[in-house]
Protein backbone atom coordinates (compact mmCIF):
# COMPACT_ATOMS: atom_id res chain seq x y z
CA MET A 1 -73.05 3.03 -117.31
CA TYR A 2 -73.55 6.66 -116.25
CA ALA A 3 -76.92 7.79 -114.91
CA GLU A 4 -77.67 9.91 -118.00
CA GLU A 5 -76.94 6.97 -120.33
CA ARG A 6 -79.06 4.66 -118.18
CA GLN A 7 -81.95 7.09 -118.14
CA ARG A 8 -81.76 7.49 -121.92
CA VAL A 9 -82.06 3.71 -122.30
CA ILE A 10 -85.08 3.72 -119.97
CA VAL A 11 -86.86 6.43 -121.98
CA GLU A 12 -86.11 4.72 -125.29
CA SER A 13 -87.41 1.41 -123.92
CA ALA A 14 -90.58 3.05 -122.62
CA ARG A 15 -91.27 4.68 -125.96
CA SER A 16 -90.63 1.54 -127.96
CA GLU A 17 -92.45 -0.87 -125.62
CA GLY A 18 -95.18 1.42 -124.33
CA ARG A 19 -94.17 0.89 -120.69
CA VAL A 20 -91.24 -0.31 -118.56
CA GLU A 21 -91.10 -2.41 -115.39
CA VAL A 22 -88.71 -1.81 -112.49
CA GLY A 23 -87.68 -5.46 -112.15
CA SER A 24 -86.97 -5.96 -115.84
CA LEU A 25 -84.98 -2.75 -116.08
CA ALA A 26 -82.89 -3.65 -113.04
CA LEU A 27 -81.91 -6.96 -114.67
CA GLU A 28 -81.28 -5.40 -118.07
CA LEU A 29 -79.17 -2.54 -116.72
CA GLY A 30 -77.39 -4.47 -114.00
CA VAL A 31 -78.46 -2.16 -111.18
CA THR A 32 -80.66 -2.42 -108.12
CA PRO A 33 -84.43 -1.85 -108.28
CA GLU A 34 -83.94 1.18 -106.01
CA THR A 35 -81.58 2.74 -108.57
CA VAL A 36 -84.20 2.22 -111.27
CA ARG A 37 -86.87 3.81 -109.07
CA ARG A 38 -84.65 6.86 -108.55
CA ASP A 39 -84.11 7.09 -112.32
CA LEU A 40 -87.86 6.90 -112.94
CA THR A 41 -88.51 9.61 -110.37
CA HIS A 42 -85.90 11.85 -112.03
CA LEU A 43 -87.39 11.23 -115.48
CA GLU A 44 -90.89 11.95 -114.23
CA ARG A 45 -89.72 15.26 -112.80
CA ARG A 46 -88.23 16.06 -116.20
CA GLY A 47 -91.54 15.32 -117.89
CA MET A 48 -90.21 12.36 -119.85
CA LEU A 49 -92.12 9.53 -118.12
CA ARG A 50 -95.10 9.05 -115.84
CA ARG A 51 -94.71 6.67 -112.90
CA THR A 52 -97.13 3.76 -112.59
CA HIS A 53 -97.36 0.89 -110.11
CA GLY A 54 -94.21 -1.16 -110.67
CA GLY A 55 -92.87 0.92 -113.56
CA ALA A 56 -93.58 3.85 -115.87
CA VAL A 57 -95.15 4.84 -119.18
CA PRO A 58 -93.87 7.45 -121.68
CA VAL A 59 -95.25 10.97 -121.70
CA GLU A 60 -95.47 11.84 -125.35
CA ASN A 61 -95.25 15.59 -124.97
CA LEU A 62 -93.46 16.11 -128.26
CA VAL A 63 -96.59 17.02 -130.16
CA PHE A 64 -97.76 19.60 -127.62
CA GLU A 65 -96.66 23.20 -127.77
CA ARG A 66 -97.77 25.94 -125.41
CA GLU A 67 -99.24 29.03 -127.00
CA VAL A 68 -97.59 32.41 -126.47
CA ALA A 69 -100.15 33.65 -123.94
CA GLU A 70 -99.60 30.58 -121.76
CA ARG A 71 -95.81 30.68 -122.02
CA ILE A 72 -95.61 34.37 -121.08
CA GLY A 73 -97.05 33.55 -117.67
CA ARG A 74 -94.47 30.85 -116.87
CA MET A 75 -91.15 31.45 -115.07
CA VAL A 76 -91.69 35.23 -115.20
CA GLU A 77 -89.10 36.13 -112.55
CA GLU A 78 -86.51 33.77 -114.03
CA LYS A 79 -86.99 35.19 -117.52
CA HIS A 80 -86.61 38.72 -116.18
CA HIS A 81 -83.27 37.88 -114.53
CA ILE A 82 -82.04 36.06 -117.64
CA ALA A 83 -82.97 38.97 -119.93
CA LYS A 84 -81.34 41.50 -117.59
CA ALA A 85 -78.10 39.51 -117.61
CA ALA A 86 -78.24 39.20 -121.41
CA LEU A 87 -78.24 43.01 -121.72
CA GLU A 88 -74.56 42.96 -120.73
CA LEU A 89 -73.81 40.91 -123.85
CA LEU A 90 -75.22 43.45 -126.30
CA PRO A 91 -72.74 45.28 -128.52
CA GLU A 92 -72.47 49.06 -128.16
CA HIS A 93 -73.21 49.31 -131.87
CA GLY A 94 -74.02 46.48 -134.22
CA THR A 95 -76.51 43.92 -135.43
CA VAL A 96 -78.57 41.66 -133.22
CA MET A 97 -80.94 38.81 -134.04
CA LEU A 98 -83.74 37.92 -131.64
CA ASP A 99 -85.32 34.53 -132.13
CA ALA A 100 -89.03 34.11 -131.36
CA GLY A 101 -89.53 33.30 -127.67
CA THR A 102 -90.84 34.77 -124.45
CA THR A 103 -87.39 35.13 -122.84
CA THR A 104 -86.01 36.86 -125.93
CA GLY A 105 -89.18 38.95 -125.77
CA SER A 106 -88.23 40.00 -122.23
CA LEU A 107 -84.83 41.06 -123.55
CA ALA A 108 -86.46 43.08 -126.34
CA ALA A 109 -88.49 45.01 -123.77
CA MET A 110 -85.28 45.95 -121.94
CA LEU A 111 -83.24 47.13 -124.93
CA PRO A 112 -81.77 50.58 -124.18
CA MET A 113 -83.05 53.70 -125.91
CA ASP A 114 -79.57 55.21 -126.37
CA ARG A 115 -77.71 52.52 -128.29
CA ASP A 116 -77.43 52.31 -132.06
CA LEU A 117 -78.58 48.76 -132.82
CA THR A 118 -79.95 46.99 -135.85
CA VAL A 119 -82.31 44.23 -134.75
CA VAL A 120 -83.66 41.39 -136.88
CA THR A 121 -86.44 39.18 -135.57
CA ASN A 122 -88.99 36.67 -136.80
CA SER A 123 -91.29 37.39 -133.85
CA ILE A 124 -94.38 39.58 -134.27
CA PRO A 125 -94.57 40.38 -130.51
CA ILE A 126 -90.88 41.33 -130.39
CA ALA A 127 -91.23 43.51 -133.48
CA SER A 128 -94.21 45.23 -131.89
CA THR A 129 -92.20 45.85 -128.71
CA LEU A 130 -89.25 47.35 -130.59
CA ALA A 131 -91.20 49.39 -133.15
CA GLY A 132 -91.31 52.34 -130.75
CA ASN A 133 -87.63 52.23 -129.78
CA PRO A 134 -85.97 55.19 -131.57
CA SER A 135 -82.44 53.74 -131.28
CA VAL A 136 -83.33 50.48 -133.03
CA THR A 137 -83.33 49.93 -136.77
CA LEU A 138 -85.82 47.09 -136.96
CA PHE A 139 -86.16 44.33 -139.55
CA LEU A 140 -88.92 41.73 -139.42
CA THR A 141 -88.40 38.62 -141.52
CA GLY A 142 -91.04 37.78 -144.07
CA GLY A 143 -92.85 34.49 -144.31
CA ARG A 144 -95.89 32.74 -142.92
CA VAL A 145 -96.89 33.63 -139.36
CA ARG A 146 -97.63 30.68 -137.08
CA ALA A 147 -100.75 31.39 -135.03
CA ARG A 148 -99.53 29.37 -132.06
CA THR A 149 -96.22 31.23 -131.56
CA LEU A 150 -96.66 34.38 -133.71
CA ALA A 151 -93.34 33.61 -135.39
CA SER A 152 -92.55 34.08 -139.08
CA VAL A 153 -91.42 30.89 -140.76
CA GLY A 154 -90.89 29.45 -144.22
CA GLU A 155 -88.52 30.04 -147.12
CA ASN A 156 -88.94 33.82 -147.09
CA ALA A 157 -87.88 33.97 -143.46
CA THR A 158 -84.93 31.58 -143.76
CA GLY A 159 -83.78 33.13 -147.05
CA PHE A 160 -83.69 36.60 -145.52
CA VAL A 161 -81.83 35.39 -142.43
CA LYS A 162 -79.22 33.54 -144.48
CA SER A 163 -78.33 36.74 -146.34
CA LEU A 164 -77.16 38.45 -143.13
CA THR A 165 -74.11 38.36 -140.85
CA PRO A 166 -75.28 39.56 -137.42
CA ASP A 167 -72.88 40.15 -134.55
CA ILE A 168 -74.96 38.12 -132.11
CA VAL A 169 -78.12 36.03 -132.01
CA PHE A 170 -80.16 35.46 -128.88
CA SER A 171 -81.89 32.15 -129.40
CA ALA A 172 -84.63 30.26 -127.58
CA ALA A 173 -85.42 26.55 -127.37
CA ASN A 174 -88.29 24.42 -126.09
CA GLY A 175 -85.91 21.67 -125.04
CA ILE A 176 -82.20 21.42 -124.25
CA SER A 177 -80.35 18.19 -123.55
CA LEU A 178 -76.80 16.90 -123.78
CA ALA A 179 -77.95 14.02 -125.97
CA LYS A 180 -80.09 15.91 -128.50
CA GLY A 181 -78.95 19.52 -128.20
CA LEU A 182 -81.50 22.28 -128.86
CA THR A 183 -84.97 21.12 -129.92
CA THR A 184 -88.39 22.53 -130.72
CA PRO A 185 -91.74 20.94 -131.68
CA ASP A 186 -92.17 22.58 -135.10
CA MET A 187 -90.03 21.88 -138.16
CA ALA A 188 -90.65 25.28 -139.78
CA GLU A 189 -89.57 27.17 -136.67
CA ALA A 190 -86.56 24.89 -136.32
CA ASN A 191 -85.44 25.87 -139.83
CA VAL A 192 -85.44 29.57 -138.94
CA LYS A 193 -83.64 28.96 -135.66
CA ARG A 194 -81.04 26.84 -137.46
CA ALA A 195 -80.50 29.57 -140.06
CA MET A 196 -80.03 32.24 -137.38
CA ILE A 197 -77.45 30.19 -135.52
CA SER A 198 -75.56 29.40 -138.73
CA VAL A 199 -75.00 33.06 -139.70
CA ALA A 200 -74.33 34.74 -136.33
CA ARG A 201 -70.83 35.52 -135.13
CA LYS A 202 -71.89 34.74 -131.55
CA VAL A 203 -74.73 32.49 -130.38
CA VAL A 204 -76.35 33.04 -126.98
CA LEU A 205 -79.09 30.73 -125.74
CA LEU A 206 -81.59 32.24 -123.29
CA ALA A 207 -83.47 29.53 -121.40
CA ASP A 208 -84.89 29.02 -117.93
CA HIS A 209 -84.03 25.83 -116.05
CA SER A 210 -87.31 24.07 -116.92
CA LYS A 211 -86.14 23.66 -120.53
CA PHE A 212 -83.13 21.53 -119.60
CA GLY A 213 -83.55 17.79 -119.91
CA GLU A 214 -86.47 18.26 -122.31
CA GLU A 215 -86.36 16.83 -125.84
CA HIS A 216 -88.79 17.83 -128.57
CA PHE A 217 -89.47 16.70 -132.11
CA VAL A 218 -86.93 18.69 -134.18
CA ARG A 219 -83.26 19.29 -133.40
CA PHE A 220 -81.93 22.60 -134.69
CA ALA A 221 -78.49 22.90 -133.08
CA ALA A 222 -75.91 21.00 -131.09
CA ILE A 223 -74.79 22.28 -127.70
CA SER A 224 -71.33 22.82 -129.21
CA GLU A 225 -72.76 25.40 -131.65
CA VAL A 226 -73.71 27.68 -128.74
CA ASP A 227 -71.16 30.15 -127.36
CA MET A 228 -73.01 31.02 -124.16
CA ILE A 229 -76.06 29.83 -122.24
CA VAL A 230 -77.80 32.27 -119.89
CA THR A 231 -80.13 30.55 -117.46
CA ASP A 232 -81.35 30.81 -113.87
CA ARG A 233 -80.08 29.16 -110.71
CA GLY A 234 -82.67 26.43 -110.98
CA LEU A 235 -80.05 24.70 -113.12
CA SER A 236 -77.56 23.20 -110.66
CA ARG A 237 -73.82 23.88 -110.80
CA ASP A 238 -73.19 20.24 -111.68
CA GLU A 239 -75.67 20.37 -114.56
CA ALA A 240 -74.16 23.64 -115.79
CA ALA A 241 -70.67 22.11 -115.69
CA ALA A 242 -71.88 19.16 -117.78
CA TYR A 243 -73.13 21.53 -120.47
CA GLU A 244 -69.92 23.57 -120.35
CA GLU A 245 -67.97 20.40 -121.17
CA SER A 246 -69.74 20.46 -124.55
CA GLY A 247 -68.45 23.95 -125.36
CA PRO A 248 -70.56 26.91 -124.23
CA GLU A 249 -70.00 29.09 -121.19
CA VAL A 250 -72.97 28.80 -118.82
CA MET A 251 -74.10 31.86 -116.87
CA ARG A 252 -76.45 31.17 -113.96
CA VAL A 253 -78.26 34.31 -112.75
């Protein structure tokens, strides 16, 4: 059994049983207690479990979602490098979708003033950033605005998105894993993200390394549906190669 498969079993056991013990896991998985301890340490670093004496308990972070103001202050340098690299992927002329997110927001702030672009977004902060850019024809989806993320969601938003055929979408995710793909805590936001990915000719995921290995409540895309992932060097080469095996090119900046 590969380490990722073993660790998935450990997390599932912890969530179903409420806690796991090193000795029992070693017997069940056919590995040494030291291997189990290393797995638990890895999972704790990923925010999936919390170590206890002799075992671990699940960290049910799926219902928690950081507000925009808090997220803006996290991984600032990494987001800047990711957004700067993503600029090279913009078409000279064409249509771009920007999903709601702080890294996509960083990209919006860098959009050039001399390129003829049509931009569609469901993010109030991104729309506010781009409203003063004279080279951008801006469309903001309709729908209900979520107070926590300032993103437009609902049938009006998804209906509008589904009527379009953009050249490229820059998407964001709260969690990214090989097992579950791209995930987010809120079902309404997931529906808009899913719609954007389904209509775009090219899908680019912008995500700092802290998002990898995380799994949240709602899955909105498989890794194979993404054409390119732009992330920072906090994601190791080996991890990047594992994601590339599922389809997308991974750019570490």
